[in-house]
Protein backbone atom coordinates (compact mmCIF):
# COMPACT_ATOMS: atom_id res chain seq x y z
CA MET A 1 -45.99 -65.45 -37.73
CA ASP A 2 -46.96 -67.34 -34.58
CA TRP A 3 -45.83 -65.69 -31.35
CA THR A 4 -47.37 -65.59 -27.90
CA CYS A 5 -47.57 -62.68 -25.51
CA ARG A 6 -48.58 -63.26 -21.89
CA LEU A 7 -49.76 -60.20 -19.98
CA SER A 8 -48.85 -59.83 -16.31
CA GLY A 9 -49.79 -56.59 -14.62
CA SER A 10 -48.06 -53.75 -16.45
CA THR A 11 -45.67 -56.06 -18.27
CA ALA A 12 -45.86 -58.41 -21.21
CA LEU A 13 -43.68 -61.46 -21.66
CA CYS A 14 -43.42 -62.56 -25.27
CA ALA A 15 -41.90 -65.71 -26.68
CA ARG A 16 -41.81 -67.47 -30.01
CA GLY A 17 -44.50 -69.94 -30.94
CA PHE A 18 -43.91 -73.03 -33.04
CA ALA A 19 -43.65 -70.98 -36.21
CA SER A 20 -40.61 -68.91 -35.27
CA ALA A 21 -40.41 -65.29 -36.26
CA ALA A 22 -36.78 -66.02 -37.10
CA SER A 23 -37.91 -68.17 -40.04
CA GLU A 24 -39.92 -65.39 -41.61
CA GLU A 25 -38.19 -63.16 -44.12
CA SER A 26 -38.80 -59.47 -43.52
CA SER A 27 -38.99 -56.74 -46.11
CA MET A 28 -37.79 -54.16 -43.59
CA LYS A 29 -34.32 -52.80 -44.21
CA ILE A 30 -32.18 -52.94 -41.06
CA GLY A 31 -29.39 -50.57 -40.09
CA ILE A 32 -26.80 -51.35 -37.43
CA VAL A 33 -25.00 -48.57 -35.57
CA GLY A 34 -22.20 -50.02 -33.46
CA THR A 35 -20.50 -53.03 -35.02
CA GLY A 36 -18.65 -54.30 -31.98
CA ARG A 37 -19.10 -57.81 -30.68
CA MET A 38 -22.77 -57.49 -29.77
CA GLY A 39 -23.89 -55.45 -32.76
CA SER A 40 -21.99 -57.60 -35.25
CA ASN A 41 -23.33 -60.86 -33.86
CA MET A 42 -26.88 -59.55 -33.87
CA ALA A 43 -26.44 -58.54 -37.51
CA LEU A 44 -24.99 -61.93 -38.44
CA HIS A 45 -27.95 -63.68 -36.87
CA LEU A 46 -30.45 -61.43 -38.62
CA ASN A 47 -28.71 -62.07 -41.93
CA GLU A 48 -28.87 -65.83 -41.39
CA GLU A 49 -32.59 -65.50 -40.71
CA ARG A 50 -33.02 -63.70 -44.06
CA TRP A 51 -33.53 -60.21 -42.72
CA ASP A 52 -32.10 -57.46 -44.91
CA VAL A 53 -29.17 -55.85 -43.09
CA GLU A 54 -28.85 -52.92 -45.44
CA ALA A 55 -26.54 -50.43 -43.70
CA VAL A 56 -23.83 -50.55 -41.03
CA TYR A 57 -21.90 -47.81 -39.24
CA ASP A 58 -19.21 -47.63 -36.59
CA VAL A 59 -16.73 -45.02 -35.44
CA ASP A 60 -14.16 -47.74 -36.25
CA PRO A 61 -14.70 -48.25 -40.00
CA SER A 62 -12.62 -51.45 -40.01
CA SER A 63 -15.17 -53.35 -37.94
CA ALA A 64 -18.00 -52.03 -40.10
CA ASN A 65 -16.15 -53.14 -43.24
CA VAL A 66 -15.70 -56.67 -41.92
CA LEU A 67 -19.38 -56.97 -41.01
CA ALA A 68 -20.52 -55.47 -44.31
CA GLU A 69 -18.61 -58.12 -46.24
CA GLN A 70 -20.23 -60.85 -44.19
CA VAL A 71 -23.83 -59.68 -44.57
CA GLY A 72 -23.71 -57.79 -47.86
CA ALA A 73 -24.44 -54.41 -46.31
CA ILE A 74 -23.41 -50.90 -47.25
CA VAL A 75 -20.80 -49.27 -45.01
CA CYS A 76 -22.12 -45.80 -44.25
CA ALA A 77 -19.76 -42.88 -43.87
CA THR A 78 -22.32 -40.90 -41.88
CA LEU A 79 -25.11 -41.57 -39.41
CA ALA A 80 -27.48 -39.68 -41.69
CA ASP A 81 -26.81 -42.25 -44.41
CA VAL A 82 -27.94 -45.04 -42.07
CA SER A 83 -31.26 -43.31 -41.44
CA ASP A 84 -31.66 -42.71 -45.16
CA LEU A 85 -31.08 -46.36 -46.13
CA ALA A 86 -32.78 -48.28 -43.30
CA ASP A 87 -36.33 -48.57 -41.98
CA VAL A 88 -35.31 -49.88 -38.56
CA ILE A 89 -32.01 -48.87 -36.97
CA ILE A 90 -30.53 -50.97 -34.14
CA THR A 91 -28.02 -49.06 -32.03
CA VAL A 92 -25.47 -50.75 -29.78
CA VAL A 93 -23.09 -48.10 -28.48
CA SER A 94 -20.87 -47.80 -25.44
CA ASP A 95 -22.23 -45.17 -23.07
CA ASP A 96 -24.36 -42.07 -22.47
CA ALA A 97 -22.08 -39.77 -24.45
CA ALA A 98 -22.14 -42.09 -27.44
CA MET A 99 -25.94 -42.25 -27.37
CA TYR A 100 -26.30 -38.50 -27.22
CA GLY A 101 -23.73 -38.27 -30.01
CA ILE A 102 -25.59 -40.47 -32.47
CA PHE A 103 -28.86 -38.67 -31.72
CA ALA A 104 -27.35 -35.17 -31.78
CA GLU A 105 -29.69 -32.31 -32.60
CA GLN A 106 -27.05 -30.71 -34.83
CA GLY A 107 -24.46 -32.06 -37.23
CA ASP A 108 -24.31 -35.64 -38.44
CA SER A 109 -27.00 -37.58 -36.63
CA LEU A 110 -29.47 -40.43 -36.91
CA LEU A 111 -32.14 -37.76 -36.51
CA SER A 112 -31.45 -36.61 -40.07
CA ASP A 113 -34.16 -38.04 -42.33
CA ALA A 114 -35.59 -39.83 -39.29
CA ARG A 115 -39.28 -39.42 -40.09
CA ASN A 116 -41.16 -42.75 -39.95
CA LYS A 117 -38.04 -44.62 -38.82
CA LEU A 118 -37.92 -46.95 -35.82
CA PHE A 119 -34.86 -46.90 -33.57
CA VAL A 120 -34.19 -49.91 -31.33
CA ASN A 121 -31.57 -48.89 -28.77
CA CYS A 122 -29.75 -51.72 -27.01
CA ALA A 123 -26.97 -50.00 -25.08
CA THR A 124 -26.82 -50.06 -21.28
CA VAL A 125 -27.03 -46.36 -20.49
CA THR A 126 -28.56 -44.08 -17.87
CA PRO A 127 -32.38 -44.32 -18.04
CA GLN A 128 -32.71 -40.58 -18.65
CA VAL A 129 -30.84 -41.02 -21.93
CA HIS A 130 -33.60 -43.25 -23.28
CA ILE A 131 -36.22 -40.73 -22.17
CA ASP A 132 -34.36 -37.94 -23.95
CA VAL A 133 -33.82 -40.01 -27.10
CA GLU A 134 -37.52 -40.87 -27.29
CA ARG A 135 -38.37 -37.18 -27.05
CA LEU A 136 -35.85 -36.26 -29.76
CA CYS A 137 -37.04 -39.00 -32.08
CA GLU A 138 -40.71 -38.15 -31.69
CA ALA A 139 -39.97 -34.51 -32.45
CA ARG A 140 -38.64 -35.71 -35.82
CA GLY A 141 -41.57 -38.01 -36.51
CA ALA A 142 -39.71 -41.19 -35.56
CA ARG A 143 -40.19 -43.89 -32.92
CA SER A 144 -37.72 -45.07 -30.31
CA LEU A 145 -37.61 -48.21 -28.18
CA GLU A 146 -35.07 -49.27 -25.58
CA ALA A 147 -34.28 -52.98 -25.83
CA CYS A 148 -31.89 -53.70 -23.00
CA MET A 149 -29.99 -56.98 -23.27
CA ALA A 150 -29.41 -59.29 -20.28
CA SER A 151 -27.26 -61.67 -22.30
CA SER A 152 -23.88 -61.83 -23.98
CA ILE A 153 -22.12 -62.56 -27.26
CA PRO A 154 -23.15 -66.22 -27.75
CA GLN A 155 -26.81 -65.32 -27.24
CA ALA A 156 -26.54 -62.43 -29.70
CA ARG A 157 -25.14 -64.83 -32.29
CA GLU A 158 -27.78 -67.49 -31.63
CA GLY A 159 -30.80 -65.18 -31.40
CA THR A 160 -31.48 -66.11 -27.79
CA LEU A 161 -31.08 -62.74 -26.09
CA TYR A 162 -33.18 -61.81 -23.05
CA LEU A 163 -34.59 -58.42 -23.99
CA MET A 164 -36.19 -55.92 -21.61
CA CYS A 165 -38.02 -53.18 -23.48
CA GLY A 166 -39.17 -49.70 -22.60
CA GLY A 167 -40.97 -47.00 -24.53
CA ARG A 168 -44.37 -46.54 -26.06
CA LYS A 169 -46.34 -49.77 -26.35
CA SER A 170 -46.99 -49.02 -30.02
CA ALA A 171 -43.24 -48.90 -30.72
CA PHE A 172 -42.78 -52.19 -28.88
CA GLU A 173 -45.51 -53.87 -30.91
CA GLU A 174 -44.03 -52.53 -34.14
CA ALA A 175 -40.59 -53.87 -33.20
CA LEU A 176 -41.82 -57.22 -31.88
CA PRO A 177 -41.28 -59.31 -35.04
CA LEU A 178 -37.66 -58.17 -35.10
CA LEU A 179 -37.22 -58.59 -31.35
CA ASN A 180 -38.51 -62.15 -31.54
CA VAL A 181 -35.76 -62.97 -34.03
CA LEU A 182 -33.09 -61.52 -31.77
CA GLY A 183 -34.37 -62.87 -28.46
CA SER A 184 -35.86 -66.02 -27.01
CA SER A 185 -37.51 -63.93 -24.27
CA VAL A 186 -38.81 -60.42 -24.87
CA LYS A 187 -40.35 -58.54 -21.95
CA TYR A 188 -42.14 -55.21 -22.12
CA ILE A 189 -41.41 -53.30 -18.89
CA GLY A 190 -43.08 -49.93 -19.35
CA PRO A 191 -42.43 -46.36 -20.48
CA ALA A 192 -39.07 -45.07 -21.66
CA GLY A 193 -36.36 -45.43 -19.04
CA LYS A 194 -38.03 -48.22 -17.07
CA ALA A 195 -36.33 -51.09 -18.88
CA ALA A 196 -33.01 -49.32 -18.39
CA GLU A 197 -33.73 -49.11 -14.65
CA VAL A 198 -34.35 -52.86 -14.53
CA LYS A 199 -31.20 -53.51 -16.55
CA ALA A 200 -29.18 -51.37 -14.14
CA LEU A 201 -30.40 -53.48 -11.22
CA VAL A 202 -29.69 -56.72 -13.07
CA ASN A 203 -26.10 -55.69 -13.71
CA MET A 204 -25.65 -54.24 -10.23
CA LEU A 205 -26.65 -57.54 -8.65
CA MET A 206 -24.64 -59.58 -11.15
CA ASN A 207 -21.55 -57.52 -10.42
CA ILE A 208 -22.02 -57.89 -6.64
CA ASN A 209 -22.38 -61.65 -7.07
CA THR A 210 -19.26 -61.77 -9.22
CA ALA A 211 -17.21 -59.81 -6.70
CA GLY A 212 -18.47 -62.00 -3.86
CA LEU A 213 -17.57 -65.18 -5.70
CA ALA A 214 -14.09 -63.85 -6.43
CA GLU A 215 -13.56 -63.11 -2.73
CA ALA A 216 -14.79 -66.56 -1.68
CA LEU A 217 -12.54 -68.36 -4.14
CA GLY A 218 -9.62 -66.10 -3.26
CA LEU A 219 -10.04 -66.91 0.42
CA GLY A 220 -10.42 -70.58 -0.44
CA GLU A 221 -7.10 -70.55 -2.23
CA ALA A 222 -5.42 -68.76 0.68
CA LEU A 223 -6.78 -71.49 2.98
CA ARG A 224 -5.33 -74.11 0.61
CA LEU A 225 -8.70 -75.58 -0.19
CA ASP A 226 -9.25 -77.45 -3.44
CA LEU A 227 -11.09 -74.90 -5.57
CA SER A 228 -12.84 -77.45 -7.78
CA THR A 229 -14.29 -79.10 -4.69
CA LEU A 230 -15.18 -75.70 -3.27
CA ARG A 231 -17.06 -74.74 -6.43
CA GLU A 232 -18.93 -78.06 -6.35
CA VAL A 233 -19.97 -77.42 -2.74
CA PHE A 234 -21.08 -73.91 -3.64
CA SER A 235 -23.22 -75.30 -6.47
CA GLN A 236 -25.16 -77.58 -4.11
CA THR A 237 -25.75 -75.07 -1.32
CA GLY A 238 -27.03 -71.56 -0.71
CA ALA A 239 -23.85 -70.24 -2.36
CA ALA A 240 -25.10 -71.37 -5.79
CA SER A 241 -25.62 -68.66 -8.40
CA ARG A 242 -25.69 -68.07 -12.14
CA VAL A 243 -22.33 -66.31 -11.80
CA LEU A 244 -20.85 -69.45 -10.24
CA VAL A 245 -21.81 -71.32 -13.43
CA THR A 246 -20.52 -68.71 -15.86
CA ASP A 247 -17.45 -67.36 -14.04
CA GLY A 248 -16.34 -69.76 -11.30
CA GLU A 249 -14.11 -72.00 -13.39
CA ASP A 250 -12.75 -69.01 -15.31
CA MET A 251 -11.71 -67.40 -12.02
CA GLN A 252 -9.99 -70.57 -10.91
CA LYS A 253 -8.16 -71.08 -14.23
CA ARG A 254 -7.49 -67.36 -14.87
CA GLU A 255 -9.32 -67.53 -18.19
CA HIS A 256 -10.81 -64.08 -18.60
CA ASP A 257 -11.83 -63.94 -22.27
CA THR A 258 -14.11 -60.95 -22.50
CA TYR A 259 -17.85 -61.40 -22.74
CA PHE A 260 -18.68 -58.53 -20.39
CA SER A 261 -15.72 -56.35 -19.56
CA ALA A 262 -14.67 -55.03 -16.17
CA ALA A 263 -14.88 -51.52 -17.61
CA HIS A 264 -18.53 -52.08 -18.50
CA ALA A 265 -19.14 -53.55 -15.06
CA ALA A 266 -17.78 -50.37 -13.49
CA LYS A 267 -19.97 -48.20 -15.74
CA ASP A 268 -23.12 -50.19 -15.06
CA SER A 269 -22.61 -50.38 -11.30
CA ASN A 270 -22.27 -46.61 -11.28
CA ILE A 271 -25.50 -46.22 -13.24
CA ALA A 272 -27.28 -48.12 -10.45
CA LEU A 273 -25.53 -46.04 -7.79
CA GLY A 274 -26.73 -42.90 -9.53
CA LEU A 275 -30.30 -44.16 -9.42
CA ALA A 276 -29.89 -44.92 -5.71
CA ARG A 277 -28.62 -41.41 -5.03
CA ASN A 278 -31.64 -39.99 -6.82
CA VAL A 279 -33.99 -41.73 -4.37
CA GLY A 280 -31.84 -41.26 -1.27
CA LEU A 281 -30.67 -44.84 -0.83
CA GLU A 282 -27.24 -45.97 0.35
CA LEU A 283 -26.02 -49.20 -1.29
CA PRO A 284 -22.74 -50.20 0.37
CA LEU A 285 -22.29 -53.51 -1.47
CA ALA A 286 -22.88 -51.89 -4.85
CA ARG A 287 -20.54 -49.05 -3.93
CA GLU A 288 -17.69 -51.35 -2.94
CA THR A 289 -18.22 -53.52 -6.01
CA ALA A 290 -18.03 -50.48 -8.28
CA ALA A 291 -14.82 -49.44 -6.52
CA GLN A 292 -13.26 -52.84 -7.23
CA TYR A 293 -14.10 -52.64 -10.93
CA GLU A 294 -12.86 -49.05 -11.08
CA ARG A 295 -9.61 -50.27 -9.56
CA MET A 296 -9.33 -52.84 -12.35
CA VAL A 297 -9.71 -50.07 -14.91
CA ARG A 298 -7.05 -47.93 -13.20
CA GLU A 299 -4.63 -50.86 -13.11
CA GLY A 300 -5.03 -51.68 -16.78
CA LEU A 301 -7.36 -54.65 -16.29
CA GLY A 302 -10.52 -53.01 -17.58
CA ASP A 303 -10.57 -54.97 -20.83
CA LEU A 304 -10.66 -58.30 -19.01
CA ASP A 305 -13.96 -60.05 -18.51
CA LYS A 306 -15.74 -59.21 -15.25
CA SER A 307 -14.44 -62.56 -13.94
CA GLY A 308 -11.01 -60.88 -13.92
CA ILE A 309 -11.96 -59.30 -10.60
CA ALA A 310 -10.47 -62.49 -9.16
CA GLU A 311 -7.07 -61.06 -10.08
CA LEU A 312 -7.62 -58.63 -7.19
CA THR A 313 -8.84 -61.17 -4.64
CA PHE A 314 -6.40 -64.07 -5.05
CA LYS A 315 -3.43 -63.35 -2.81
CA SER A 316 -1.08 -65.25 -5.13
CA ARG A 317 -1.98 -63.09 -8.11
CA HIS A 318 -2.00 -59.50 -7.00
CA ALA A 319 0.00 -57.42 -4.58
CA GLY A 320 -1.86 -55.07 -2.29
């Protein structure tokens, strides 16, 4: 396998060489815990690249059944079965509680029969969770790596995720062939919890940008400006942003198909706010952005894409 890894200070940025890791069949058996949109699309891509997706598990068995039929995997009734069947287990769960649940010290858990297993944990959770999970895994003779994703569903399906990794360098190097199949850019950040800190800041800033764009377009509509022209002007000035590209037209057309939900935006903004509290920082923009996404959740809009925040800022769409 031909891959390159460029060192920069305490980080390493790794990318595929001409002989892609994705073209190399692996003998490792892969387990997937969490067969929602991200987990399923990652599994589909691995299967297409001839990696052996052996076992799948989800609290919703129906989604696991659908994925298992597509990739020829075994649907596991328990987390312990996943650890028994797979060499490397990728977890993509919803929040802190879910992570602690799948790595529980008692009852059904991935920690059962975990010796010599490698866990690659992709959920956006509080950094301390990854630190705790690493400790629990190592106590059972296993390895754990956080692989935080700064991408969405299309990138999971195409194997072009941007992955920020934290944990022991040895675990990162062991996981690298797999990571290079899943991502077009794979960056080692540092010890456990550090990649999750970076991911929290990425999502905090993204959410602030999204809320700001929604306010600007909402005001533009109220001023009876042509929103297509306004977006074009934004794109050629200091108002340009990645969010403008991904969400601007969706806000204008009210097309909020979910790639990253408002509920997840609220959760992730609050993770960043928790980190700020821990170091004694006040972040007013992040706080107000979190409040807007929390309002969406309260008003039944939490399942919309984050672009749905425009439903709160366009005067013609929302009362109050």
